[in-house]
């Protein structure tokens, strides 16, 4: 008999069962004493639209899915939303992932956490902003997305400072995007924590990275944007953080620099300008 968490993994790996339906199923499982269910019963509990029933049923009953489950049980550690170790602050956000695959130390999730995001083209100004954060409590974990630019700088800075890096990626844990960050990704997993809601072997797809941002926004206690253009994925993350009731900070920049336009826009909209680390230090100490 499979456990509740194994059932959630199987449904997560199956085709046709979306996140909203997964959340309904997880809520039902919290109070259920019988979870040996057919594909049709699962579809009904998850209120899966009927047009997806045949796709889900064929996938759920396939030998391919069974092999995928065994593969992940053997090679991928994972948390489900019904596990006690699932982070509470992520649980409180909109559409939390049902399954999170991980490598590294889950204890990092118990530390005060600062999310740091910014432009892929970020340069010396982001490095200068990171230098201003050296007075943060040493227990502060640094969360970012392992993308080029500001993300990579944030992880590298955390490692140099001896702080726990938490990387949230938009591929499977055994894949890397961009490829040049492969060594950094491995180091983050060894020295901190690497997270993904995507199964092993999942390659990079454009839509997966905005979805990844909601996990960064949900896990952090506060979010800092270092450099960002006026239309930027970093601003999406900032908006998600605001929706999750996180404090958002932005590094003010010159009016004639395109990489500062997004941060200045955030400040105009009510984000706290990061003039020094004092405000951040006071906030994050509250969570120690």
Protein backbone atom coordinates (compact mmCIF):
# COMPACT_ATOMS: atom_id res chain seq x y z
CA UNK A 1 0.00 0.00 0.00
CA UNK A 2 1.38 3.40 -0.95
CA UNK A 3 1.53 6.17 1.63
CA UNK A 4 -0.28 9.48 1.27
CA UNK A 5 2.96 11.20 0.30
CA UNK A 6 3.70 8.54 -2.32
CA UNK A 7 0.24 9.07 -3.76
CA UNK A 8 0.87 12.81 -4.00
CA UNK A 9 4.17 12.13 -5.74
CA UNK A 10 2.49 9.80 -8.22
CA UNK A 11 -0.25 12.32 -9.00
CA UNK A 12 2.35 15.08 -9.33
CA UNK A 13 4.32 13.02 -11.86
CA UNK A 14 1.21 11.99 -13.82
CA UNK A 15 0.05 13.89 -16.88
CA UNK A 16 -3.13 15.96 -16.83
CA UNK A 17 -3.47 16.69 -13.09
CA UNK A 18 -2.87 20.41 -12.50
CA UNK A 19 -1.72 22.23 -9.39
CA UNK A 20 -5.20 23.40 -8.38
CA UNK A 21 -6.48 19.83 -8.48
CA UNK A 22 -3.39 18.65 -6.57
CA UNK A 23 -4.17 21.14 -3.81
CA UNK A 24 -7.74 19.86 -3.54
CA UNK A 25 -6.49 16.30 -3.31
CA UNK A 26 -3.93 17.20 -0.64
CA UNK A 27 -6.63 18.93 1.44
CA UNK A 28 -8.82 15.83 1.16
CA UNK A 29 -5.97 13.52 2.18
CA UNK A 30 -5.40 15.42 5.42
CA UNK A 31 -8.57 13.94 6.91
CA UNK A 32 -9.01 10.77 4.87
CA UNK A 33 -8.39 7.28 6.26
CA UNK A 34 -8.58 5.56 2.87
CA UNK A 35 -6.41 6.68 0.01
CA UNK A 36 -6.41 3.60 -2.20
CA UNK A 37 -8.22 5.42 -4.98
CA UNK A 38 -8.82 4.85 -8.66
CA UNK A 39 -7.86 7.42 -11.26
CA UNK A 40 -11.54 8.34 -11.64
CA UNK A 41 -11.93 8.87 -7.89
CA UNK A 42 -8.80 11.03 -7.81
CA UNK A 43 -10.12 13.11 -10.71
CA UNK A 44 -13.40 13.60 -8.88
CA UNK A 45 -11.73 14.63 -5.61
CA UNK A 46 -9.46 17.06 -7.46
CA UNK A 47 -12.41 18.31 -9.54
CA UNK A 48 -10.31 17.75 -12.62
CA UNK A 49 -12.01 19.14 -15.75
CA UNK A 50 -13.49 16.25 -17.70
CA UNK A 51 -11.45 17.03 -20.81
CA UNK A 52 -8.32 15.94 -18.88
CA UNK A 53 -9.76 12.73 -17.39
CA UNK A 54 -8.69 10.39 -20.17
CA UNK A 55 -5.15 11.83 -20.25
CA UNK A 56 -4.80 11.50 -16.49
CA UNK A 57 -6.31 8.01 -16.32
CA UNK A 58 -4.04 6.67 -19.06
CA UNK A 59 -0.98 8.21 -17.41
CA UNK A 60 -1.90 7.16 -13.86
CA UNK A 61 -2.33 3.53 -14.85
CA UNK A 62 0.75 3.31 -17.06
CA UNK A 63 3.92 1.32 -16.42
CA UNK A 64 5.85 4.44 -17.42
CA UNK A 65 4.48 6.35 -14.43
CA UNK A 66 5.26 3.48 -12.09
CA UNK A 67 8.87 3.52 -13.30
CA UNK A 68 9.01 7.30 -12.83
CA UNK A 69 7.79 6.95 -9.24
CA UNK A 70 10.39 4.29 -8.45
CA UNK A 71 13.08 6.45 -10.10
CA UNK A 72 12.20 9.46 -7.94
CA UNK A 73 11.88 7.42 -4.76
CA UNK A 74 15.39 6.15 -5.36
CA UNK A 75 17.17 9.26 -6.62
CA UNK A 76 15.22 12.31 -5.39
CA UNK A 77 14.50 13.36 -1.82
CA UNK A 78 11.20 15.19 -1.63
CA UNK A 79 8.75 16.95 0.66
CA UNK A 80 5.00 16.95 0.20
CA UNK A 81 2.59 19.58 1.42
CA UNK A 82 1.24 17.19 4.08
CA UNK A 83 4.70 16.51 5.59
CA UNK A 84 5.54 18.03 8.96
CA UNK A 85 8.82 19.38 7.58
CA UNK A 86 7.06 21.35 4.82
CA UNK A 87 7.91 25.05 5.45
CA UNK A 88 5.01 26.84 7.11
CA UNK A 89 5.67 30.18 5.42
CA UNK A 90 5.38 28.55 2.00
CA UNK A 91 2.23 26.75 3.07
CA UNK A 92 0.58 30.13 3.71
CA UNK A 93 1.14 31.42 0.16
CA UNK A 94 -1.02 31.25 -2.95
CA UNK A 95 -0.76 27.90 -4.75
CA UNK A 96 2.15 26.37 -2.81
CA UNK A 97 3.82 23.43 -4.57
CA UNK A 98 2.41 20.03 -3.60
CA UNK A 99 5.78 18.32 -4.00
CA UNK A 100 9.22 19.90 -3.58
CA UNK A 101 12.30 17.95 -4.59
CA UNK A 102 15.47 18.87 -2.75
CA UNK A 103 19.17 18.29 -2.29
CA UNK A 104 21.04 19.53 0.74
CA UNK A 105 20.08 20.52 4.27
CA UNK A 106 16.41 21.15 5.03
CA UNK A 107 17.56 22.83 8.25
CA UNK A 108 18.33 25.91 6.10
CA UNK A 109 14.58 26.50 5.87
CA UNK A 110 14.45 27.14 9.62
CA UNK A 111 16.80 30.14 9.36
CA UNK A 112 15.80 33.77 8.76
CA UNK A 113 15.82 34.11 4.97
CA UNK A 114 16.46 37.02 2.64
CA UNK A 115 15.50 36.65 -1.00
CA UNK A 116 17.78 38.50 -3.43
CA UNK A 117 16.84 38.92 -7.08
CA UNK A 118 17.82 41.20 -9.92
CA UNK A 119 18.71 41.51 -13.57
CA UNK A 120 20.58 38.86 -15.54
CA UNK A 121 22.76 41.75 -16.75
CA UNK A 122 23.49 42.96 -13.22
CA UNK A 123 27.00 44.26 -12.67
CA UNK A 124 29.20 46.08 -10.14
CA UNK A 125 26.28 47.98 -8.64
CA UNK A 126 24.70 44.73 -7.44
CA UNK A 127 28.05 43.65 -5.98
CA UNK A 128 28.23 46.99 -4.16
CA UNK A 129 24.72 46.46 -2.77
CA UNK A 130 25.64 42.98 -1.56
CA UNK A 131 28.71 44.40 0.15
CA UNK A 132 26.37 46.63 2.19
CA UNK A 133 24.69 43.52 3.63
CA UNK A 134 27.70 42.18 5.51
CA UNK A 135 26.23 43.30 8.84
CA UNK A 136 23.25 40.96 8.46
CA UNK A 137 23.01 38.21 11.09
CA UNK A 138 25.30 35.36 10.11
CA UNK A 139 22.37 32.99 10.47
CA UNK A 140 20.58 34.64 7.54
CA UNK A 141 20.03 32.27 4.62
CA UNK A 142 20.15 33.81 1.14
CA UNK A 143 17.51 32.66 -1.35
CA UNK A 144 17.73 33.22 -5.08
CA UNK A 145 17.04 31.51 -8.38
CA UNK A 146 20.49 30.47 -9.70
CA UNK A 147 20.02 32.50 -12.87
CA UNK A 148 22.75 34.59 -14.46
CA UNK A 149 23.63 37.97 -13.03
CA UNK A 150 22.19 39.04 -9.68
CA UNK A 151 21.07 35.52 -8.69
CA UNK A 152 24.49 34.00 -9.22
CA UNK A 153 26.15 36.96 -7.45
CA UNK A 154 23.84 36.51 -4.45
CA UNK A 155 24.68 32.81 -4.12
CA UNK A 156 28.41 33.43 -4.56
CA UNK A 157 28.31 36.22 -1.97
CA UNK A 158 26.45 33.97 0.48
CA UNK A 159 29.07 31.23 0.05
CA UNK A 160 31.92 33.73 0.53
CA UNK A 161 30.25 35.03 3.69
CA UNK A 162 29.66 31.55 5.10
CA UNK A 163 25.90 32.00 4.90
CA UNK A 164 23.54 29.22 3.81
CA UNK A 165 22.55 29.56 0.14
CA UNK A 166 19.09 28.34 -0.92
CA UNK A 167 18.66 27.95 -4.66
CA UNK A 168 15.21 27.55 -6.20
CA UNK A 169 15.49 26.40 -9.79
CA UNK A 170 13.11 26.07 -12.74
CA UNK A 171 14.39 22.70 -13.96
CA UNK A 172 14.80 19.25 -12.49
CA UNK A 173 17.45 19.01 -9.79
CA UNK A 174 19.77 17.10 -12.12
CA UNK A 175 19.53 19.72 -14.85
CA UNK A 176 21.05 23.20 -14.91
CA UNK A 177 20.10 26.45 -16.61
CA UNK A 178 22.10 28.39 -17.55
CA UNK A 179 24.74 25.67 -18.12
CA UNK A 180 27.58 27.89 -16.91
CA UNK A 181 26.10 27.82 -13.40
CA UNK A 182 26.41 24.04 -13.08
CA UNK A 183 29.31 24.13 -10.62
CA UNK A 184 27.63 26.87 -8.58
CA UNK A 185 24.41 24.83 -8.46
CA UNK A 186 26.30 21.81 -7.16
CA UNK A 187 28.04 23.94 -4.53
CA UNK A 188 24.71 25.40 -3.37
CA UNK A 189 23.37 21.84 -2.94
CA UNK A 190 26.47 20.83 -0.97
CA UNK A 191 26.70 23.90 1.27
CA UNK A 192 23.04 24.85 1.55
CA UNK A 193 19.83 23.70 -0.11
CA UNK A 194 18.65 23.22 -3.69
CA UNK A 195 14.89 23.12 -4.37
CA UNK A 196 12.62 22.48 -7.34
CA UNK A 197 8.99 21.54 -7.86
CA UNK A 198 9.91 19.94 -11.20
CA UNK A 199 10.69 16.22 -11.59
CA UNK A 200 14.18 14.97 -12.37
CA UNK A 201 15.27 15.36 -16.00
CA UNK A 202 12.90 18.32 -16.57
CA UNK A 203 14.70 20.71 -18.96
CA UNK A 204 14.44 24.50 -18.91
CA UNK A 205 11.17 25.87 -20.31
CA UNK A 206 10.31 29.55 -20.32
CA UNK A 207 7.07 29.30 -18.31
CA UNK A 208 8.72 27.40 -15.45
CA UNK A 209 10.83 30.34 -14.27
CA UNK A 210 7.99 32.75 -13.37
CA UNK A 211 6.37 29.81 -11.50
CA UNK A 212 9.67 29.26 -9.67
CA UNK A 213 9.58 32.89 -8.52
CA UNK A 214 6.52 32.31 -6.32
CA UNK A 215 8.54 29.80 -4.27
CA UNK A 216 11.36 32.31 -3.75
CA UNK A 217 8.80 34.94 -2.70
CA UNK A 218 7.05 32.51 -0.37
CA UNK A 219 10.14 31.14 1.37
CA UNK A 220 11.82 34.47 2.13
CA UNK A 221 11.08 36.68 5.12
CA UNK A 222 12.05 39.74 3.10
CA UNK A 223 12.95 40.31 -0.55
CA UNK A 224 15.64 42.59 -1.98
CA UNK A 225 15.76 43.68 -5.62
CA UNK A 226 19.22 44.95 -6.56
CA UNK A 227 18.95 45.97 -10.23
CA UNK A 228 16.00 45.51 -12.58
CA UNK A 229 14.66 46.90 -15.81
CA UNK A 230 11.19 48.42 -15.90
CA UNK A 231 9.73 45.15 -17.20
CA UNK A 232 11.55 42.40 -15.42
CA UNK A 233 11.05 38.98 -13.89
CA UNK A 234 12.42 40.46 -10.68
CA UNK A 235 9.39 42.75 -10.48
CA UNK A 236 7.14 39.70 -10.82
CA UNK A 237 8.93 38.17 -7.83
CA UNK A 238 8.56 41.44 -5.90
CA UNK A 239 4.82 41.54 -6.57
CA UNK A 240 4.48 37.91 -5.46
CA UNK A 241 6.38 38.75 -2.27
CA UNK A 242 4.02 41.64 -1.57
CA UNK A 243 1.03 39.34 -2.08
CA UNK A 244 2.61 37.00 0.47
CA UNK A 245 2.94 39.91 2.95
CA UNK A 246 6.73 40.02 2.73
CA UNK A 247 8.64 43.28 3.06
CA UNK A 248 10.18 44.29 -0.25
CA UNK A 249 13.37 46.34 -0.47
CA UNK A 250 14.90 47.90 -3.57
CA UNK A 251 18.31 49.43 -4.23
CA UNK A 252 17.76 52.97 -5.56
CA UNK A 253 19.71 53.85 -8.67
CA UNK A 254 20.53 56.59 -11.14
CA UNK A 255 17.70 57.95 -13.25
CA UNK A 256 19.67 57.46 -16.47
CA UNK A 257 20.40 53.76 -15.88
CA UNK A 258 17.91 51.28 -17.38
CA UNK A 259 18.88 48.64 -14.81
CA UNK A 260 17.73 50.99 -12.04
CA UNK A 261 14.33 51.80 -13.58
CA UNK A 262 12.62 48.76 -12.07
CA UNK A 263 13.98 49.38 -8.58
CA UNK A 264 13.07 53.07 -8.67
CA UNK A 265 9.59 52.07 -9.84
CA UNK A 266 9.27 49.67 -6.89
CA UNK A 267 10.29 52.42 -4.46
CA UNK A 268 7.70 54.76 -6.00
CA UNK A 269 5.10 52.02 -5.46
CA UNK A 270 6.02 51.68 -1.77
CA UNK A 271 9.05 49.37 -1.54
CA UNK A 272 11.62 50.34 1.10
CA UNK A 273 14.77 51.88 -0.41
CA UNK A 274 17.85 50.01 0.80
CA UNK A 275 20.18 52.79 1.93
CA UNK A 276 21.96 50.52 4.42
CA UNK A 277 21.43 47.13 6.01
CA UNK A 278 19.99 48.41 9.30
CA UNK A 279 16.32 47.92 8.42
CA UNK A 280 17.00 44.46 7.03
CA UNK A 281 19.06 43.50 10.07
CA UNK A 282 16.29 44.57 12.45
CA UNK A 283 13.66 42.66 10.47
CA UNK A 284 15.58 39.42 10.07
CA UNK A 285 16.64 39.30 13.73
CA UNK A 286 12.93 39.12 14.55
CA UNK A 287 12.83 35.67 12.89
CA UNK A 288 15.88 34.19 14.67
